C-alpha cells in the first residue's frame, strides 16, 4: 500500500456517494463498489485488484497507474476518466462506456471488453 494510503480492502461501499473522494494510493483489493458514484474521484495508483465496480460511475475519475487486474467493471461509466498506465490484465470491462477516456500506456487489450470498444480503442490507442 502506498505511503499514507487508505486501507479499504475487503470493504463494501455499494451504492455510496463517493464523488470527488481522494483514494489515491489506497488499498482497495476486493472492495465492493458496485453502483457507487465515484465521479471525479482520485484513484490514481490505487490497488483495485479483484475489486467489484459493476455499474459504478467513474466519469472524470483519475485511475492513472491504478492496478485493476481481475477487477469487475461491467457496465461502469468511464467517460473522460484517466486510465493512463493502468494495469488491466483480466479486468472484466464488458458493457463499459469509456471511448472518451485516456487509455495511454494502459494494457486495455489484456482486459475483457466488447468488440465495439476494442475496435474504437485500437484506432486511438494502438497496442505498441
C-alpha atoms as a PDB file:
ATOM      1  CA  UNK A   1       0.000   0.000   0.000  1.00  0.00           C
ATOM      2  CA  UNK A   2       1.233   3.466  -0.848  1.00  0.00           C
ATOM      3  CA  UNK A   3       2.519   5.793   1.850  1.00  0.00           C
ATOM      4  CA  UNK A   4      -0.403   7.369   3.694  1.00  0.00           C
ATOM      5  CA  UNK A   5      -2.941   5.439   1.598  1.00  0.00           C
ATOM      6  CA  UNK A   6      -6.254   4.236   2.978  1.00  0.00           C
ATOM      7  CA  UNK A   7      -6.979   0.559   3.508  1.00  0.00           C
ATOM      8  CA  UNK A   8     -10.433  -0.216   2.133  1.00  0.00           C
ATOM      9  CA  UNK A   9      -9.544  -3.784   1.147  1.00  0.00           C
ATOM     10  CA  UNK A  10     -12.412  -6.272   1.543  1.00  0.00           C
ATOM     11  CA  UNK A  11     -14.893  -3.481   2.437  1.00  0.00           C
ATOM     12  CA  UNK A  12     -18.299  -2.756   0.887  1.00  0.00           C
ATOM     13  CA  UNK A  13     -19.387   0.637  -0.413  1.00  0.00           C
ATOM     14  CA  UNK A  14     -22.244  -0.483  -2.663  1.00  0.00           C
ATOM     15  CA  UNK A  15     -24.276   2.445  -3.991  1.00  0.00           C
ATOM     16  CA  UNK A  16     -22.405   5.025  -1.886  1.00  0.00           C
ATOM     17  CA  UNK A  17     -21.888   8.655  -2.930  1.00  0.00           C
ATOM     18  CA  UNK A  18     -18.089   8.953  -3.124  1.00  0.00           C
ATOM     19  CA  UNK A  19     -17.879  11.801  -5.634  1.00  0.00           C
ATOM     20  CA  UNK A  20     -14.502  13.530  -5.535  1.00  0.00           C
ATOM     21  CA  UNK A  21     -13.109  11.248  -2.811  1.00  0.00           C
ATOM     22  CA  UNK A  22      -9.295  11.012  -2.572  1.00  0.00           C
ATOM     23  CA  UNK A  23      -8.325   7.354  -2.605  1.00  0.00           C
ATOM     24  CA  UNK A  24      -5.014   7.832  -4.388  1.00  0.00           C
ATOM     25  CA  UNK A  25      -2.650   5.005  -3.484  1.00  0.00           C
ATOM     26  CA  UNK A  26      -5.367   3.277  -1.432  1.00  0.00           C
ATOM     27  CA  UNK A  27      -5.630  -0.473  -0.917  1.00  0.00           C
ATOM     28  CA  UNK A  28      -8.995  -1.392  -2.448  1.00  0.00           C
ATOM     29  CA  UNK A  29      -8.310  -5.071  -3.130  1.00  0.00           C
ATOM     30  CA  UNK A  30     -11.592  -6.988  -3.389  1.00  0.00           C
ATOM     31  CA  UNK A  31     -13.579  -3.909  -2.306  1.00  0.00           C
ATOM     32  CA  UNK A  32     -17.239  -3.835  -3.426  1.00  0.00           C
ATOM     33  CA  UNK A  33     -18.025  -0.521  -5.094  1.00  0.00           C
ATOM     34  CA  UNK A  34     -20.963  -1.666  -7.228  1.00  0.00           C
ATOM     35  CA  UNK A  35     -23.233   1.234  -8.277  1.00  0.00           C
ATOM     36  CA  UNK A  36     -21.039   3.677  -6.291  1.00  0.00           C
ATOM     37  CA  UNK A  37     -20.836   7.256  -7.537  1.00  0.00           C
ATOM     38  CA  UNK A  38     -17.106   7.905  -7.908  1.00  0.00           C
ATOM     39  CA  UNK A  39     -17.375  10.813 -10.337  1.00  0.00           C
ATOM     40  CA  UNK A  40     -14.198  12.893 -10.174  1.00  0.00           C
ATOM     41  CA  UNK A  41     -12.639  10.565  -7.579  1.00  0.00           C
ATOM     42  CA  UNK A  42      -8.850  10.262  -7.331  1.00  0.00           C
ATOM     43  CA  UNK A  43      -7.969   6.567  -7.545  1.00  0.00           C
ATOM     44  CA  UNK A  44      -4.536   7.138  -9.068  1.00  0.00           C
ATOM     45  CA  UNK A  45      -2.080   4.456  -8.034  1.00  0.00           C
ATOM     46  CA  UNK A  46      -4.786   2.583  -6.098  1.00  0.00           C
ATOM     47  CA  UNK A  47      -4.696  -1.205  -5.762  1.00  0.00           C
ATOM     48  CA  UNK A  48      -8.072  -2.339  -7.120  1.00  0.00           C
ATOM     49  CA  UNK A  49      -7.139  -5.958  -7.810  1.00  0.00           C
ATOM     50  CA  UNK A  50     -10.297  -8.107  -7.945  1.00  0.00           C
ATOM     51  CA  UNK A  51     -12.440  -5.160  -6.803  1.00  0.00           C
ATOM     52  CA  UNK A  52     -16.045  -5.030  -7.989  1.00  0.00           C
ATOM     53  CA  UNK A  53     -17.137  -1.792  -9.666  1.00  0.00           C
ATOM     54  CA  UNK A  54     -20.223  -3.010 -11.544  1.00  0.00           C
ATOM     55  CA  UNK A  55     -22.399  -0.127 -12.767  1.00  0.00           C
ATOM     56  CA  UNK A  56     -20.104   2.350 -10.964  1.00  0.00           C
ATOM     57  CA  UNK A  57     -19.943   5.953 -12.120  1.00  0.00           C
ATOM     58  CA  UNK A  58     -16.252   6.641 -12.774  1.00  0.00           C
ATOM     59  CA  UNK A  59     -16.818   9.674 -15.011  1.00  0.00           C
ATOM     60  CA  UNK A  60     -13.818  12.040 -14.853  1.00  0.00           C
ATOM     61  CA  UNK A  61     -12.115   9.747 -12.298  1.00  0.00           C
ATOM     62  CA  UNK A  62      -8.329   9.555 -12.034  1.00  0.00           C
ATOM     63  CA  UNK A  63      -7.292   5.904 -12.413  1.00  0.00           C
ATOM     64  CA  UNK A  64      -3.813   6.601 -13.752  1.00  0.00           C
ATOM     65  CA  UNK A  65      -1.341   3.992 -12.568  1.00  0.00           C
ATOM     66  CA  UNK A  66      -4.120   2.028 -10.824  1.00  0.00           C
ATOM     67  CA  UNK A  67      -3.866  -1.766 -10.590  1.00  0.00           C
ATOM     68  CA  UNK A  68      -7.182  -3.127 -11.891  1.00  0.00           C
ATOM     69  CA  UNK A  69      -6.027  -6.692 -12.541  1.00  0.00           C
ATOM     70  CA  UNK A  70      -9.020  -9.031 -12.280  1.00  0.00           C
ATOM     71  CA  UNK A  71     -11.391  -6.188 -11.361  1.00  0.00           C
ATOM     72  CA  UNK A  72     -15.040  -6.333 -12.442  1.00  0.00           C
ATOM     73  CA  UNK A  73     -16.128  -3.087 -14.126  1.00  0.00           C
ATOM     74  CA  UNK A  74     -19.138  -4.442 -16.025  1.00  0.00           C
ATOM     75  CA  UNK A  75     -21.295  -1.543 -17.297  1.00  0.00           C
ATOM     76  CA  UNK A  76     -19.164   1.048 -15.459  1.00  0.00           C
ATOM     77  CA  UNK A  77     -19.174   4.584 -16.839  1.00  0.00           C
ATOM     78  CA  UNK A  78     -15.590   5.658 -17.581  1.00  0.00           C
ATOM     79  CA  UNK A  79     -16.208   8.675 -19.823  1.00  0.00           C
ATOM     80  CA  UNK A  80     -13.461  11.312 -19.568  1.00  0.00           C
ATOM     81  CA  UNK A  81     -11.618   9.251 -16.940  1.00  0.00           C
ATOM     82  CA  UNK A  82      -7.833   8.856 -16.936  1.00  0.00           C
ATOM     83  CA  UNK A  83      -6.603   5.259 -17.172  1.00  0.00           C
ATOM     84  CA  UNK A  84      -3.072   6.190 -18.230  1.00  0.00           C
ATOM     85  CA  UNK A  85      -0.637   3.441 -17.266  1.00  0.00           C
ATOM     86  CA  UNK A  86      -3.343   1.354 -15.540  1.00  0.00           C
ATOM     87  CA  UNK A  87      -2.877  -2.436 -15.237  1.00  0.00           C
ATOM     88  CA  UNK A  88      -5.937  -4.116 -16.743  1.00  0.00           C
ATOM     89  CA  UNK A  89      -4.926  -7.793 -17.049  1.00  0.00           C
ATOM     90  CA  UNK A  90      -8.120  -9.870 -16.864  1.00  0.00           C
ATOM     91  CA  UNK A  91     -10.333  -6.918 -15.896  1.00  0.00           C
ATOM     92  CA  UNK A  92     -13.952  -7.536 -16.945  1.00  0.00           C
ATOM     93  CA  UNK A  93     -14.961  -4.356 -18.739  1.00  0.00           C
ATOM     94  CA  UNK A  94     -17.901  -5.640 -20.778  1.00  0.00           C
ATOM     95  CA  UNK A  95     -20.596  -3.068 -21.382  1.00  0.00           C
ATOM     96  CA  UNK A  96     -18.495  -0.122 -20.185  1.00  0.00           C
ATOM     97  CA  UNK A  97     -18.655   3.324 -21.681  1.00  0.00           C
ATOM     98  CA  UNK A  98     -15.097   4.582 -21.956  1.00  0.00           C
ATOM     99  CA  UNK A  99     -14.484   5.598 -25.529  1.00  0.00           C
ATOM    100  CA  UNK A 100     -13.551   9.133 -24.428  1.00  0.00           C
ATOM    101  CA  UNK A 101     -11.271   8.083 -21.571  1.00  0.00           C
ATOM    102  CA  UNK A 102      -7.465   8.395 -21.673  1.00  0.00           C
ATOM    103  CA  UNK A 103      -6.023   4.893 -22.242  1.00  0.00           C
ATOM    104  CA  UNK A 104      -2.379   5.861 -22.933  1.00  0.00           C
ATOM    105  CA  UNK A 105       0.046   3.129 -21.765  1.00  0.00           C
ATOM    106  CA  UNK A 106      -2.828   1.120 -20.236  1.00  0.00           C
ATOM    107  CA  UNK A 107      -2.898  -2.513 -21.362  1.00  0.00           C
ATOM    108  CA  UNK A 108      -6.592  -2.436 -22.374  1.00  0.00           C
ATOM    109  CA  UNK A 109      -6.009  -5.342 -24.821  1.00  0.00           C
ATOM    110  CA  UNK A 110      -5.495  -7.678 -21.832  1.00  0.00           C
ATOM    111  CA  UNK A 111      -8.954  -6.771 -20.467  1.00  0.00           C
ATOM    112  CA  UNK A 112     -12.252  -8.450 -21.352  1.00  0.00           C
ATOM    113  CA  UNK A 113     -14.370  -5.927 -23.263  1.00  0.00           C
ATOM    114  CA  UNK A 114     -16.935  -5.576 -26.000  1.00  0.00           C
ATOM    115  CA  UNK A 115     -15.667  -5.842 -29.560  1.00  0.00           C
ATOM    116  CA  UNK A 116     -17.048  -2.388 -30.448  1.00  0.00           C
ATOM    117  CA  UNK A 117     -14.937  -0.730 -27.739  1.00  0.00           C
ATOM    118  CA  UNK A 118     -11.897  -2.818 -28.665  1.00  0.00           C
ATOM    119  CA  UNK A 119     -12.180  -1.543 -32.242  1.00  0.00           C
ATOM    120  CA  UNK A 120     -12.547   2.083 -31.107  1.00  0.00           C
ATOM    121  CA  UNK A 121      -9.569   1.834 -28.742  1.00  0.00           C
ATOM    122  CA  UNK A 122      -7.316   0.081 -31.249  1.00  0.00           C
ATOM    123  CA  UNK A 123      -7.698   3.057 -33.590  1.00  0.00           C
ATOM    124  CA  UNK A 124      -6.942   5.725 -30.988  1.00  0.00           C
ATOM    125  CA  UNK A 125      -4.706   3.829 -28.525  1.00  0.00           C
ATOM    126  CA  UNK A 126      -2.978   1.066 -30.563  1.00  0.00           C
ATOM    127  CA  UNK A 127      -1.057  -1.704 -28.874  1.00  0.00           C
ATOM    128  CA  UNK A 128       2.656  -0.843 -29.101  1.00  0.00           C
END
